[in-house]
Amino acid sequence: MRIRTAELADWPRIYPFFAAIVAAGQTYAYPADLSLEEARGWWMEGPPGRTVVAVEGEALLGSAKMGPNRPGRGSHVATGSFMVDPAHQGRGVGRALGGDLVEWARSAGYRSIQFNAVVENNAGAVHLWQDLGFEILTTVPEAFDHAEHGLVGLHVMFRRLVADSPACHPEPRFAADGAVDGGREETHMSQITGPGGVEPGNADDLAGAVTEGRQEETSAEMDRQPTDDQGEADPE
């Protein structure tokens, strides 16, 4: 298994499990019934973010998107969203994608990673992120309308990437073409371990979806979808 930067040609292969996971109503608050083209803007990130896919041979196993959690003075904090094709659960795909995010964010100069919307009863996701060094900062009660359990809480989870020192205020480093300066574009699963060398395991694929990073905040932001053919996502 390897992680590589997603190409526009990958989107038609991502969309079927994207649509299925959103329709299940257990992990994501994206609008229902998005078409192939409508959904592309919600997932395929442009610089300074990136979208990646996990592949093995010709099979596409899952995908993740990542980038700054907020613009401007919040752009030193990264975030990410993750989906694993239900057909490929139980193979450590979620852990591999999560490990790629941590390494990418660190190499890009982010100080920390924040997940804004981890569904509290998604036990697999919560366990995985804790295993990869994230902590629960707070839980927003009844913030997600779960298709099965009704109103449930959303965890805000956080991992620090650099020492809390005044000398450590790196700006994310991006080359002119949007690629991470000094970062890497491909990660092999054999390189992904959690704290203490935790290896990928079968509890890491979270019933298809791992977690959702930042949430759309206003109707204006939700309406700001791309109209070009470059796959650049709404900056949210």
Protein backbone atom coordinates (compact mmCIF):
# COMPACT_ATOMS: atom_id res chain seq x y z
CA MET A 1 0.00 0.00 0.00
CA ARG A 2 1.20 3.51 -0.80
CA ILE A 3 -0.15 7.01 -0.40
CA ARG A 4 0.15 9.39 -3.35
CA THR A 5 -1.21 12.77 -4.35
CA ALA A 6 -4.64 12.43 -5.96
CA GLU A 7 -5.05 13.27 -9.62
CA LEU A 8 -8.20 14.64 -11.20
CA ALA A 9 -8.62 11.27 -12.95
CA ASP A 10 -8.93 9.62 -9.51
CA TRP A 11 -12.11 11.50 -8.63
CA PRO A 12 -14.58 9.22 -10.48
CA ARG A 13 -13.13 6.33 -8.46
CA ILE A 14 -13.34 8.23 -5.15
CA TYR A 15 -16.87 9.49 -5.70
CA PRO A 16 -18.76 6.16 -5.27
CA PHE A 17 -17.51 5.58 -1.72
CA PHE A 18 -17.66 9.33 -0.95
CA ALA A 19 -21.35 9.32 -1.90
CA ALA A 20 -22.07 6.10 0.03
CA ILE A 21 -20.38 7.35 3.21
CA VAL A 22 -22.15 10.72 3.10
CA ALA A 23 -25.50 9.02 2.42
CA ALA A 24 -25.02 6.73 5.44
CA GLY A 25 -25.33 9.80 7.67
CA GLN A 26 -22.98 8.52 10.39
CA THR A 27 -19.83 10.60 10.00
CA TYR A 28 -20.14 13.56 7.59
CA ALA A 29 -22.40 16.62 7.48
CA TYR A 30 -21.95 17.23 3.77
CA PRO A 31 -25.08 17.98 1.71
CA ALA A 32 -26.92 14.87 0.59
CA ASP A 33 -27.26 13.79 -3.03
CA LEU A 34 -24.29 15.72 -4.41
CA SER A 35 -23.61 14.88 -8.05
CA LEU A 36 -20.21 13.77 -9.30
CA GLU A 37 -19.29 17.32 -10.26
CA GLU A 38 -20.88 18.98 -7.22
CA ALA A 39 -19.08 16.69 -4.79
CA ARG A 40 -15.69 17.19 -6.41
CA GLY A 41 -15.40 20.68 -4.97
CA TRP A 42 -15.96 19.36 -1.46
CA TRP A 43 -13.11 16.86 -1.62
CA MET A 44 -10.44 17.64 -4.21
CA GLU A 45 -8.25 20.24 -2.52
CA GLY A 46 -6.00 22.72 -4.27
CA PRO A 47 -2.94 24.45 -2.80
CA PRO A 48 -2.08 25.10 -0.07
CA GLY A 49 -3.97 21.91 0.73
CA ARG A 50 -3.76 18.54 -0.96
CA THR A 51 -5.86 15.44 -1.54
CA VAL A 52 -4.26 11.99 -1.47
CA VAL A 53 -5.31 8.45 -2.24
CA ALA A 54 -4.27 5.13 -0.76
CA VAL A 55 -3.62 2.59 -3.51
CA GLU A 56 -2.50 -1.00 -3.80
CA GLY A 57 -1.83 -2.16 -7.31
CA GLU A 58 -4.78 -0.96 -9.37
CA ALA A 59 -7.11 -0.72 -6.37
CA LEU A 60 -7.96 2.65 -4.81
CA LEU A 61 -8.57 1.96 -1.11
CA GLY A 62 -9.36 5.34 0.40
CA SER A 63 -8.67 9.06 0.28
CA ALA A 64 -7.90 12.03 2.51
CA LYS A 65 -7.83 15.78 2.11
CA MET A 66 -5.75 18.15 4.21
CA GLY A 67 -4.73 21.76 4.52
CA PRO A 68 -4.94 24.77 6.86
CA ASN A 69 -7.73 24.63 9.40
CA ARG A 70 -8.40 28.35 9.00
CA PRO A 71 -7.10 31.07 6.66
CA GLY A 72 -4.82 33.92 7.66
CA ARG A 73 -3.88 33.89 11.33
CA GLY A 74 -5.27 30.40 11.75
CA SER A 75 -3.29 28.90 8.89
CA HIS A 76 -0.51 27.55 11.14
CA VAL A 77 -2.91 24.77 12.25
CA ALA A 78 -3.62 21.90 9.85
CA THR A 79 -6.73 19.77 9.53
CA GLY A 80 -7.83 16.77 7.50
CA SER A 81 -10.79 14.63 6.44
CA PHE A 82 -10.65 10.93 5.65
CA MET A 83 -12.68 8.27 3.88
CA VAL A 84 -11.98 4.57 3.42
CA ASP A 85 -13.83 2.52 0.82
CA PRO A 86 -16.03 0.10 2.82
CA ALA A 87 -14.85 -2.67 0.50
CA HIS A 88 -11.32 -2.24 1.86
CA GLN A 89 -11.93 -1.94 5.60
CA GLY A 90 -9.76 -3.80 8.06
CA ARG A 91 -6.47 -3.23 6.22
CA GLY A 92 -5.00 -0.27 8.10
CA VAL A 93 -5.94 2.22 5.39
CA GLY A 94 -7.19 4.81 7.88
CA ARG A 95 -3.98 4.63 9.89
CA ALA A 96 -1.85 4.98 6.76
CA LEU A 97 -3.79 8.07 5.66
CA GLY A 98 -3.64 9.57 9.15
CA GLY A 99 0.09 8.99 9.37
CA ASP A 100 0.55 10.67 6.00
CA LEU A 101 -1.31 13.75 7.27
CA VAL A 102 0.90 13.99 10.36
CA GLU A 103 4.11 13.71 8.35
CA TRP A 104 2.91 16.13 5.65
CA ALA A 105 1.76 18.74 8.16
CA ARG A 106 5.02 18.55 10.08
CA SER A 107 7.16 18.85 6.94
CA ALA A 108 5.01 21.78 5.73
CA GLY A 109 5.71 23.73 8.91
CA TYR A 110 2.34 23.51 10.65
CA ARG A 111 2.49 23.81 14.43
CA SER A 112 -0.40 21.45 15.14
CA ILE A 113 -3.38 19.54 13.72
CA GLN A 114 -6.99 20.07 14.76
CA PHE A 115 -10.01 17.96 13.90
CA ASN A 116 -13.22 19.93 14.43
CA ALA A 117 -15.85 17.24 13.99
CA VAL A 118 -15.09 13.70 15.15
CA VAL A 119 -18.44 12.03 15.87
CA GLU A 120 -18.28 10.96 19.51
CA ASN A 121 -19.78 7.49 18.99
CA ASN A 122 -17.42 6.71 16.07
CA ALA A 123 -15.30 4.68 18.46
CA GLY A 124 -12.90 3.44 15.79
CA ALA A 125 -12.03 6.98 14.71
CA VAL A 126 -11.61 8.23 18.26
CA HIS A 127 -9.36 5.29 19.16
CA LEU A 128 -7.24 5.69 16.03
CA TRP A 129 -6.63 9.40 16.53
CA GLN A 130 -5.77 8.90 20.18
CA ASP A 131 -3.38 6.15 19.14
CA LEU A 132 -1.73 8.62 16.74
CA GLY A 133 -1.23 11.17 19.50
CA PHE A 134 -4.41 13.27 19.35
CA GLU A 135 -6.34 14.32 22.44
CA ILE A 136 -9.97 15.33 22.90
CA LEU A 137 -10.10 19.01 23.82
CA THR A 138 -13.87 19.28 24.16
CA THR A 139 -17.12 17.79 22.91
CA VAL A 140 -19.84 19.94 21.39
CA PRO A 141 -23.10 18.33 22.56
CA GLU A 142 -25.79 17.34 20.06
CA ALA A 143 -23.86 18.92 17.17
CA PHE A 144 -24.38 16.07 14.69
CA ASP A 145 -27.65 14.51 13.61
CA HIS A 146 -26.66 10.86 13.34
CA ALA A 147 -28.83 8.78 11.01
CA GLU A 148 -29.10 5.96 13.57
CA HIS A 149 -28.53 7.53 16.99
CA GLY A 150 -30.04 10.97 16.55
CA LEU A 151 -28.30 14.01 18.04
CA VAL A 152 -24.78 13.14 19.21
CA GLY A 153 -21.72 15.14 20.16
CA LEU A 154 -18.74 16.13 18.05
CA HIS A 155 -15.23 15.92 19.53
CA VAL A 156 -12.64 18.58 18.83
CA MET A 157 -9.31 16.70 18.72
CA PHE A 158 -5.79 18.13 18.68
CA ARG A 159 -2.18 17.10 18.21
CA ARG A 160 0.82 19.39 18.67
CA LEU A 161 3.61 19.00 16.10
CA VAL A 162 6.29 21.37 17.42
CA ALA A 163 7.57 22.35 20.84
CA ASP A 164 5.67 25.20 22.46
CA SER A 165 8.51 27.70 22.17
CA PRO A 166 8.53 31.36 20.99
CA ALA A 167 11.30 30.34 18.59
CA CYS A 168 9.05 27.82 16.88
CA HIS A 169 6.67 29.74 14.64
CA PRO A 170 7.31 28.26 11.17
CA GLU A 171 5.14 29.31 8.28
CA PRO A 172 3.85 26.51 6.03
CA ARG A 173 6.37 26.19 3.22
CA PHE A 174 4.99 25.85 -0.28
CA ALA A 175 6.85 25.94 -3.57
CA ALA A 176 5.62 28.08 -6.43
CA ASP A 177 3.60 25.22 -7.88
CA GLY A 178 1.81 24.60 -4.59
CA ALA A 179 3.83 21.51 -3.62
CA VAL A 180 5.24 21.35 -0.12
CA ASP A 181 8.78 22.67 -0.11
CA GLY A 182 10.91 19.87 1.22
CA GLY A 183 7.90 17.61 1.75
CA ARG A 184 7.17 14.39 -0.04
CA GLU A 185 4.36 13.46 -2.34
CA GLU A 186 4.25 9.74 -1.70
CA THR A 187 4.26 7.65 1.48
CA HIS A 188 4.55 3.89 1.71
CA MET A 189 2.51 2.14 4.36
CA SER A 190 5.65 0.52 5.78
CA GLN A 191 6.77 4.01 6.83
CA ILE A 192 3.62 4.79 8.82
CA THR A 193 3.70 4.05 12.55
CA GLY A 194 2.02 5.68 15.48
CA PRO A 195 3.61 6.80 18.74
CA GLY A 196 5.79 4.02 20.11
CA GLY A 197 5.93 2.36 16.71
CA VAL A 198 2.31 1.24 16.66
CA GLU A 199 1.76 -0.66 13.44
CA PRO A 200 -1.36 -0.45 11.27
CA GLY A 201 -4.14 -2.69 12.52
CA ASN A 202 -7.60 -3.85 11.63
CA ALA A 203 -9.43 -1.41 13.93
CA ASP A 204 -8.40 1.56 11.85
CA ASP A 205 -10.90 1.75 9.02
CA LEU A 206 -13.88 3.07 10.93
CA ALA A 207 -16.83 1.69 9.02
CA GLY A 208 -15.83 3.47 5.85
CA ALA A 209 -15.14 6.99 7.11
CA VAL A 210 -12.43 8.00 9.54
CA THR A 211 -13.28 11.53 10.56
CA GLU A 212 -14.14 14.93 9.27
CA GLY A 213 -11.82 17.88 9.68
CA ARG A 214 -13.13 21.40 9.42
CA GLN A 215 -16.83 22.11 9.13
CA GLU A 216 -18.36 24.63 6.74
CA GLU A 217 -19.29 27.67 8.83
CA THR A 218 -21.62 29.92 6.82
CA SER A 219 -23.98 29.59 3.91
CA ALA A 220 -21.73 31.95 1.95
CA GLU A 221 -18.81 29.61 2.42
CA MET A 222 -20.92 26.59 1.52
CA ASP A 223 -21.96 28.28 -1.71
CA ARG A 224 -18.38 29.08 -2.72
CA GLN A 225 -17.79 25.98 -4.81
CA PRO A 226 -15.35 25.86 -7.72
CA THR A 227 -16.53 26.37 -11.26
CA ASP A 228 -13.31 25.51 -13.08
CA ASP A 229 -11.90 22.14 -14.09
CA GLN A 230 -8.84 22.11 -11.83
CA GLY A 231 -10.38 20.26 -8.89
CA GLU A 232 -9.68 23.08 -6.46
CA ALA A 233 -11.84 22.85 -3.38
CA ASP A 234 -13.85 25.46 -1.56
CA PRO A 235 -11.37 27.06 0.89
CA GLU A 236 -14.03 26.83 3.59
